[in-house]
Amino acid sequence: MKPDEHHEEAQVSHRETGTASLALGVAAVAMYGSPVLLFLPPWIRFIPVYLTVPLGICAIVFGVSVLHGMRHDEGADRRRARTGIALGTVALAVPIALLVWLSWALHR
């Protein structure tokens, strides 16, 4: 094996795609639908709702770190990382909007 071939293999194996960020973002947003699953007991239906904020934060952190790693790679596909960041942001925006609305409604 030539030294150039080894370097080329190492370069391909370290390519980041943002799939983890996308998966975490999709999971975080999908967990908002868990209270609709009426066939489950109430204590099981609402457990995933508590996990949306941590998953949303992880999606944003992983997506930003992948985008930072792709900074100098012109041929990189950044769509998965950006979509993960967007879904993570939505997963965080919903509880923040709910808290602002509740605060406004209680002080009225």
Protein backbone atom coordinates (compact mmCIF):
# COMPACT_ATOMS: atom_id res chain seq x y z
CA MET A 1 0.00 0.00 0.00
CA LYS A 2 1.36 3.38 -0.97
CA PRO A 3 1.41 6.27 1.50
CA ASP A 4 -0.97 8.25 -0.72
CA GLU A 5 -3.59 5.49 -0.58
CA HIS A 6 -3.48 5.37 3.22
CA HIS A 7 -3.91 9.15 3.45
CA GLU A 8 -6.84 8.99 1.03
CA GLU A 9 -8.58 6.27 3.10
CA ALA A 10 -8.12 8.27 6.29
CA GLN A 11 -9.61 11.33 4.62
CA VAL A 12 -12.71 9.45 3.50
CA SER A 13 -13.29 7.77 6.87
CA HIS A 14 -13.22 11.11 8.73
CA ARG A 15 -15.83 12.75 6.51
CA GLU A 16 -18.69 14.00 8.65
CA THR A 17 -22.21 14.19 7.27
CA GLY A 18 -24.43 15.52 10.05
CA THR A 19 -26.60 12.41 10.24
CA ALA A 20 -26.51 12.37 14.05
CA SER A 21 -27.71 15.95 14.19
CA LEU A 22 -30.52 15.19 11.76
CA ALA A 23 -31.60 12.07 13.66
CA LEU A 24 -31.62 13.91 17.00
CA GLY A 25 -33.58 16.82 15.54
CA VAL A 26 -36.18 14.54 13.97
CA ALA A 27 -36.53 12.59 17.22
CA ALA A 28 -36.94 15.78 19.25
CA VAL A 29 -39.68 17.16 17.02
CA ALA A 30 -41.41 13.77 16.70
CA MET A 31 -41.63 13.43 20.47
CA TYR A 32 -44.11 16.30 20.57
CA GLY A 33 -46.62 13.90 19.04
CA SER A 34 -46.36 11.37 21.85
CA PRO A 35 -49.29 12.80 23.92
CA VAL A 36 -51.56 11.97 20.97
CA LEU A 37 -50.92 8.24 21.42
CA LEU A 38 -54.06 7.63 23.43
CA PHE A 39 -53.62 3.85 23.68
CA LEU A 40 -50.68 4.33 26.08
CA PRO A 41 -51.06 5.12 29.80
CA PRO A 42 -50.70 8.87 30.56
CA TRP A 43 -47.43 8.53 32.47
CA ILE A 44 -45.82 6.87 29.42
CA ARG A 45 -47.31 9.30 26.90
CA PHE A 46 -45.74 12.37 28.46
CA ILE A 47 -42.24 11.06 29.25
CA PRO A 48 -40.92 11.75 25.70
CA VAL A 49 -42.06 15.37 25.93
CA TYR A 50 -39.52 15.92 28.71
CA LEU A 51 -36.73 14.68 26.43
CA THR A 52 -37.37 17.15 23.61
CA VAL A 53 -35.26 19.97 25.05
CA PRO A 54 -32.13 17.85 25.71
CA LEU A 55 -32.43 16.22 22.28
CA GLY A 56 -32.90 19.61 20.65
CA ILE A 57 -29.79 20.95 22.37
CA CYS A 58 -27.79 17.89 21.28
CA ALA A 59 -29.01 18.29 17.70
CA ILE A 60 -27.85 21.90 17.63
CA VAL A 61 -24.48 21.14 19.24
CA PHE A 62 -23.75 18.19 16.95
CA GLY A 63 -24.85 20.14 13.88
CA VAL A 64 -22.70 23.15 14.70
CA SER A 65 -19.67 20.95 15.38
CA VAL A 66 -20.12 19.13 12.06
CA LEU A 67 -20.50 22.42 10.20
CA HIS A 68 -17.37 23.67 11.93
CA GLY A 69 -15.52 20.56 10.73
CA MET A 70 -16.77 21.09 7.17
CA ARG A 71 -15.67 24.69 7.09
CA HIS A 72 -12.83 24.29 4.57
CA ASP A 73 -14.35 21.43 2.54
CA GLU A 74 -16.01 22.92 -0.54
CA GLY A 75 -17.45 19.58 -1.69
CA ALA A 76 -19.14 18.77 1.62
CA ASP A 77 -22.89 18.31 1.82
CA ARG A 78 -24.09 20.46 4.70
CA ARG A 79 -27.83 19.86 4.31
CA ARG A 80 -28.16 17.20 7.01
CA ALA A 81 -26.33 19.26 9.60
CA ARG A 82 -28.32 22.39 8.78
CA THR A 83 -31.60 20.49 8.88
CA GLY A 84 -30.65 19.00 12.26
CA ILE A 85 -29.88 22.48 13.58
CA ALA A 86 -33.21 23.77 12.27
CA LEU A 87 -35.19 20.92 13.83
CA GLY A 88 -33.30 21.30 17.11
CA THR A 89 -34.15 24.99 17.10
CA VAL A 90 -37.83 24.19 16.54
CA ALA A 91 -37.70 21.68 19.39
CA LEU A 92 -36.34 24.43 21.66
CA ALA A 93 -38.61 27.20 20.36
CA VAL A 94 -41.85 25.38 21.20
CA PRO A 95 -41.29 25.18 25.00
CA ILE A 96 -39.88 28.72 25.08
CA ALA A 97 -42.95 30.04 23.24
CA LEU A 98 -45.19 28.06 25.59
CA LEU A 99 -43.45 29.51 28.67
CA VAL A 100 -43.72 33.06 27.30
CA TRP A 101 -47.40 32.55 26.55
CA LEU A 102 -48.07 31.09 30.02
CA SER A 103 -46.21 33.94 31.68
CA TRP A 104 -48.19 36.47 29.68
CA ALA A 105 -51.49 34.71 30.41
CA LEU A 106 -50.84 34.45 34.15
CA HIS A 107 -49.84 38.10 34.53
CA ARG A 108 -52.85 39.35 32.67
